[in-house]
Amino acid sequence: MNYVLNEWKCLHNCELCGKCHVLKGRSETQLYADYIEGKRPYMEITLEIRNTGR
């Protein structure tokens, strides 16, 4: 979970960051729950989010 929280922490630079745009108001811990629980690789979930807007 620490990895997910660190990767998605706010950089306070919205114009360059784009993390909030990807999350669309959703919790990073909910989006990456399968990774946190050891069920799926981080990159697999990230690609799914990018490709489908999950």
PDB file of N, CA and C in Angstrom:
ATOM      1  N   MET A   1       0.816  -1.181   0.000  1.00  0.00           N
ATOM      2  CA  MET A   1       0.000   0.000   0.000  1.00  0.00           C
ATOM      3  C   MET A   1       0.869   1.258   0.000  1.00  0.00           C
ATOM      4  N   ASN A   2       1.993   1.201   0.692  1.00  0.00           N
ATOM      5  CA  ASN A   2       2.872   2.370   0.725  1.00  0.00           C
ATOM      6  C   ASN A   2       3.324   2.779  -0.665  1.00  0.00           C
ATOM      7  N   TYR A   3       3.603   1.794  -1.517  1.00  0.00           N
ATOM      8  CA  TYR A   3       4.021   2.099  -2.883  1.00  0.00           C
ATOM      9  C   TYR A   3       2.929   2.864  -3.625  1.00  0.00           C
ATOM     10  N   VAL A   4       1.699   2.398  -3.533  1.00  0.00           N
ATOM     11  CA  VAL A   4       0.572   3.049  -4.208  1.00  0.00           C
ATOM     12  C   VAL A   4       0.395   4.466  -3.690  1.00  0.00           C
ATOM     13  N   LEU A   5       0.393   4.628  -2.384  1.00  0.00           N
ATOM     14  CA  LEU A   5       0.212   5.959  -1.805  1.00  0.00           C
ATOM     15  C   LEU A   5       1.332   6.907  -2.204  1.00  0.00           C
ATOM     16  N   ASN A   6       2.556   6.400  -2.270  1.00  0.00           N
ATOM     17  CA  ASN A   6       3.683   7.237  -2.670  1.00  0.00           C
ATOM     18  C   ASN A   6       3.603   7.620  -4.145  1.00  0.00           C
ATOM     19  N   GLU A   7       3.229   6.677  -4.996  1.00  0.00           N
ATOM     20  CA  GLU A   7       3.136   6.942  -6.425  1.00  0.00           C
ATOM     21  C   GLU A   7       2.035   7.938  -6.768  1.00  0.00           C
ATOM     22  N   TRP A   8       0.974   7.957  -5.992  1.00  0.00           N
ATOM     23  CA  TRP A   8      -0.184   8.796  -6.304  1.00  0.00           C
ATOM     24  C   TRP A   8      -0.336   9.999  -5.380  1.00  0.00           C
ATOM     25  N   LYS A   9       0.687  10.298  -4.565  1.00  0.00           N
ATOM     26  CA  LYS A   9       0.561  11.452  -3.678  1.00  0.00           C
ATOM     27  C   LYS A   9       0.550  12.746  -4.498  1.00  0.00           C
ATOM     28  N   CYS A  10      -0.118  13.719  -3.958  1.00  0.00           N
ATOM     29  CA  CYS A  10      -0.271  14.999  -4.635  1.00  0.00           C
ATOM     30  C   CYS A  10       1.075  15.706  -4.728  1.00  0.00           C
ATOM     31  N   LEU A  11       1.384  16.211  -5.913  1.00  0.00           N
ATOM     32  CA  LEU A  11       2.630  16.941  -6.126  1.00  0.00           C
ATOM     33  C   LEU A  11       2.419  18.454  -6.038  1.00  0.00           C
ATOM     34  N   HIS A  12       1.171  18.870  -5.861  1.00  0.00           N
ATOM     35  CA  HIS A  12       0.808  20.282  -5.761  1.00  0.00           C
ATOM     36  C   HIS A  12       1.254  21.074  -6.987  1.00  0.00           C
ATOM     37  N   ASN A  13       1.167  20.430  -8.142  1.00  0.00           N
ATOM     38  CA  ASN A  13       1.498  21.079  -9.409  1.00  0.00           C
ATOM     39  C   ASN A  13       0.536  20.535 -10.469  1.00  0.00           C
ATOM     40  N   CYS A  14      -0.704  20.902 -10.346  1.00  0.00           N
ATOM     41  CA  CYS A  14      -1.779  20.319 -11.169  1.00  0.00           C
ATOM     42  C   CYS A  14      -1.562  20.504 -12.673  1.00  0.00           C
ATOM     43  N   GLU A  15      -0.960  21.593 -13.066  1.00  0.00           N
ATOM     44  CA  GLU A  15      -0.773  21.850 -14.491  1.00  0.00           C
ATOM     45  C   GLU A  15       0.168  20.840 -15.147  1.00  0.00           C
ATOM     46  N   LEU A  16       1.131  20.333 -14.410  1.00  0.00           N
ATOM     47  CA  LEU A  16       2.103  19.400 -14.968  1.00  0.00           C
ATOM     48  C   LEU A  16       1.873  17.948 -14.566  1.00  0.00           C
ATOM     49  N   CYS A  17       1.191  17.728 -13.477  1.00  0.00           N
ATOM     50  CA  CYS A  17       1.088  16.393 -12.899  1.00  0.00           C
ATOM     51  C   CYS A  17       0.087  15.492 -13.625  1.00  0.00           C
ATOM     52  N   GLY A  18      -1.185  15.810 -13.539  1.00  0.00           N
ATOM     53  CA  GLY A  18      -2.216  15.021 -14.184  1.00  0.00           C
ATOM     54  C   GLY A  18      -2.726  13.832 -13.391  1.00  0.00           C
ATOM     55  N   LYS A  19      -2.214  13.603 -12.191  1.00  0.00           N
ATOM     56  CA  LYS A  19      -2.652  12.448 -11.403  1.00  0.00           C
ATOM     57  C   LYS A  19      -4.135  12.539 -11.061  1.00  0.00           C
ATOM     58  N   CYS A  20      -4.604  13.709 -10.703  1.00  0.00           N
ATOM     59  CA  CYS A  20      -6.025  13.872 -10.374  1.00  0.00           C
ATOM     60  C   CYS A  20      -6.900  13.588 -11.584  1.00  0.00           C
ATOM     61  N   HIS A  21      -6.417  13.948 -12.753  1.00  0.00           N
ATOM     62  CA  HIS A  21      -7.164  13.675 -13.984  1.00  0.00           C
ATOM     63  C   HIS A  21      -7.317  12.173 -14.200  1.00  0.00           C
ATOM     64  N   VAL A  22      -6.287  11.430 -13.914  1.00  0.00           N
ATOM     65  CA  VAL A  22      -6.323   9.971 -14.075  1.00  0.00           C
ATOM     66  C   VAL A  22      -7.241   9.352 -13.024  1.00  0.00           C
ATOM     67  N   LEU A  23      -7.141   9.808 -11.797  1.00  0.00           N
ATOM     68  CA  LEU A  23      -7.947   9.240 -10.716  1.00  0.00           C
ATOM     69  C   LEU A  23      -9.424   9.622 -10.827  1.00  0.00           C
ATOM     70  N   LYS A  24      -9.710  10.766 -11.407  1.00  0.00           N
ATOM     71  CA  LYS A  24     -11.087  11.255 -11.590  1.00  0.00           C
ATOM     72  C   LYS A  24     -11.894  11.183 -10.289  1.00  0.00           C
ATOM     73  N   GLY A  25     -11.287  11.652  -9.205  1.00  0.00           N
ATOM     74  CA  GLY A  25     -11.969  11.703  -7.925  1.00  0.00           C
ATOM     75  C   GLY A  25     -12.053  10.377  -7.185  1.00  0.00           C
ATOM     76  N   ARG A  26     -11.458   9.345  -7.759  1.00  0.00           N
ATOM     77  CA  ARG A  26     -11.493   8.020  -7.130  1.00  0.00           C
ATOM     78  C   ARG A  26     -10.274   7.830  -6.223  1.00  0.00           C
ATOM     79  N   SER A  27     -10.387   6.949  -5.291  1.00  0.00           N
ATOM     80  CA  SER A  27      -9.306   6.655  -4.364  1.00  0.00           C
ATOM     81  C   SER A  27      -8.282   5.728  -5.016  1.00  0.00           C
ATOM     82  N   GLU A  28      -7.015   6.064  -4.883  1.00  0.00           N
ATOM     83  CA  GLU A  28      -5.964   5.220  -5.431  1.00  0.00           C
ATOM     84  C   GLU A  28      -5.936   3.857  -4.744  1.00  0.00           C
ATOM     85  N   THR A  29      -6.299   3.817  -3.470  1.00  0.00           N
ATOM     86  CA  THR A  29      -6.307   2.536  -2.767  1.00  0.00           C
ATOM     87  C   THR A  29      -7.437   1.633  -3.255  1.00  0.00           C
ATOM     88  N   GLN A  30      -8.549   2.216  -3.693  1.00  0.00           N
ATOM     89  CA  GLN A  30      -9.630   1.416  -4.265  1.00  0.00           C
ATOM     90  C   GLN A  30      -9.249   0.929  -5.656  1.00  0.00           C
ATOM     91  N   LEU A  31      -8.684   1.810  -6.472  1.00  0.00           N
ATOM     92  CA  LEU A  31      -8.293   1.424  -7.827  1.00  0.00           C
ATOM     93  C   LEU A  31      -7.234   0.331  -7.820  1.00  0.00           C
ATOM     94  N   TYR A  32      -6.329   0.382  -6.863  1.00  0.00           N
ATOM     95  CA  TYR A  32      -5.218  -0.561  -6.803  1.00  0.00           C
ATOM     96  C   TYR A  32      -5.402  -1.627  -5.722  1.00  0.00           C
ATOM     97  N   ALA A  33      -6.631  -1.868  -5.316  1.00  0.00           N
ATOM     98  CA  ALA A  33      -6.907  -2.860  -4.263  1.00  0.00           C
ATOM     99  C   ALA A  33      -6.370  -4.233  -4.636  1.00  0.00           C
ATOM    100  N   ASP A  34      -6.523  -4.648  -5.907  1.00  0.00           N
ATOM    101  CA  ASP A  34      -6.011  -5.960  -6.324  1.00  0.00           C
ATOM    102  C   ASP A  34      -4.491  -6.036  -6.213  1.00  0.00           C
ATOM    103  N   TYR A  35      -3.800  -4.949  -6.483  1.00  0.00           N
ATOM    104  CA  TYR A  35      -2.341  -4.918  -6.338  1.00  0.00           C
ATOM    105  C   TYR A  35      -1.971  -4.996  -4.849  1.00  0.00           C
ATOM    106  N   ILE A  36      -2.642  -4.204  -4.036  1.00  0.00           N
ATOM    107  CA  ILE A  36      -2.356  -4.173  -2.602  1.00  0.00           C
ATOM    108  C   ILE A  36      -2.573  -5.554  -1.980  1.00  0.00           C
ATOM    109  N   GLU A  37      -3.578  -6.265  -2.471  1.00  0.00           N
ATOM    110  CA  GLU A  37      -3.880  -7.599  -1.954  1.00  0.00           C
ATOM    111  C   GLU A  37      -3.057  -8.697  -2.622  1.00  0.00           C
ATOM    112  N   GLY A  38      -2.184  -8.324  -3.556  1.00  0.00           N
ATOM    113  CA  GLY A  38      -1.310  -9.291  -4.206  1.00  0.00           C
ATOM    114  C   GLY A  38      -1.967 -10.107  -5.304  1.00  0.00           C
ATOM    115  N   LYS A  39      -3.075  -9.636  -5.845  1.00  0.00           N
ATOM    116  CA  LYS A  39      -3.813 -10.389  -6.853  1.00  0.00           C
ATOM    117  C   LYS A  39      -3.409 -10.058  -8.286  1.00  0.00           C
ATOM    118  N   ARG A  40      -2.955  -8.831  -8.533  1.00  0.00           N
ATOM    119  CA  ARG A  40      -2.600  -8.396  -9.893  1.00  0.00           C
ATOM    120  C   ARG A  40      -1.379  -7.486  -9.845  1.00  0.00           C
ATOM    121  N   PRO A  41      -0.599  -7.458 -10.927  1.00  0.00           N
ATOM    122  CA  PRO A  41       0.553  -6.558 -10.974  1.00  0.00           C
ATOM    123  C   PRO A  41       0.120  -5.082 -11.078  1.00  0.00           C
ATOM    124  N   TYR A  42       0.920  -4.209 -10.519  1.00  0.00           N
ATOM    125  CA  TYR A  42       0.669  -2.769 -10.542  1.00  0.00           C
ATOM    126  C   TYR A  42       0.495  -2.269 -11.970  1.00  0.00           C
ATOM    127  N   MET A  43       1.413  -2.664 -12.851  1.00  0.00           N
ATOM    128  CA  MET A  43       1.389  -2.159 -14.221  1.00  0.00           C
ATOM    129  C   MET A  43       0.140  -2.615 -14.971  1.00  0.00           C
ATOM    130  N   GLU A  44      -0.331  -3.805 -14.703  1.00  0.00           N
ATOM    131  CA  GLU A  44      -1.549  -4.301 -15.353  1.00  0.00           C
ATOM    132  C   GLU A  44      -2.739  -3.398 -15.017  1.00  0.00           C
ATOM    133  N   ILE A  45      -2.846  -3.033 -13.766  1.00  0.00           N
ATOM    134  CA  ILE A  45      -3.946  -2.161 -13.338  1.00  0.00           C
ATOM    135  C   ILE A  45      -3.775  -0.769 -13.931  1.00  0.00           C
ATOM    136  N   THR A  46      -2.560  -0.262 -13.913  1.00  0.00           N
ATOM    137  CA  THR A  46      -2.296   1.063 -14.472  1.00  0.00           C
ATOM    138  C   THR A  46      -2.669   1.122 -15.950  1.00  0.00           C
ATOM    139  N   LEU A  47      -2.287   0.109 -16.708  1.00  0.00           N
ATOM    140  CA  LEU A  47      -2.630   0.082 -18.134  1.00  0.00           C
ATOM    141  C   LEU A  47      -4.141  -0.015 -18.341  1.00  0.00           C
ATOM    142  N   GLU A  48      -4.804  -0.775 -17.505  1.00  0.00           N
ATOM    143  CA  GLU A  48      -6.263  -0.872 -17.594  1.00  0.00           C
ATOM    144  C   GLU A  48      -6.919   0.487 -17.340  1.00  0.00           C
ATOM    145  N   ILE A  49      -6.439   1.188 -16.341  1.00  0.00           N
ATOM    146  CA  ILE A  49      -6.979   2.523 -16.027  1.00  0.00           C
ATOM    147  C   ILE A  49      -6.764   3.453 -17.211  1.00  0.00           C
ATOM    148  N   ARG A  50      -5.583   3.437 -17.783  1.00  0.00           N
ATOM    149  CA  ARG A  50      -5.266   4.323 -18.913  1.00  0.00           C
ATOM    150  C   ARG A  50      -6.074   3.968 -20.164  1.00  0.00           C
ATOM    151  N   ASN A  51      -6.254   2.692 -20.412  1.00  0.00           N
ATOM    152  CA  ASN A  51      -6.901   2.253 -21.650  1.00  0.00           C
ATOM    153  C   ASN A  51      -8.427   2.272 -21.597  1.00  0.00           C
ATOM    154  N   THR A  52      -8.973   2.081 -20.424  1.00  0.00           N
ATOM    155  CA  THR A  52     -10.429   1.985 -20.343  1.00  0.00           C
ATOM    156  C   THR A  52     -11.058   3.097 -19.517  1.00  0.00           C
ATOM    157  N   GLY A  53     -10.245   3.866 -18.826  1.00  0.00           N
ATOM    158  CA  GLY A  53     -10.783   4.898 -17.970  1.00  0.00           C
ATOM    159  C   GLY A  53     -11.502   4.343 -16.759  1.00  0.00           C
ATOM    160  N   ARG A  54     -11.332   3.071 -16.541  1.00  0.00           N
ATOM    161  CA  ARG A  54     -11.939   2.317 -15.426  1.00  0.00           C
ATOM    162  C   ARG A  54     -12.398   3.186 -14.376  1.00  0.00           C
TER     163      ARG A  54
END
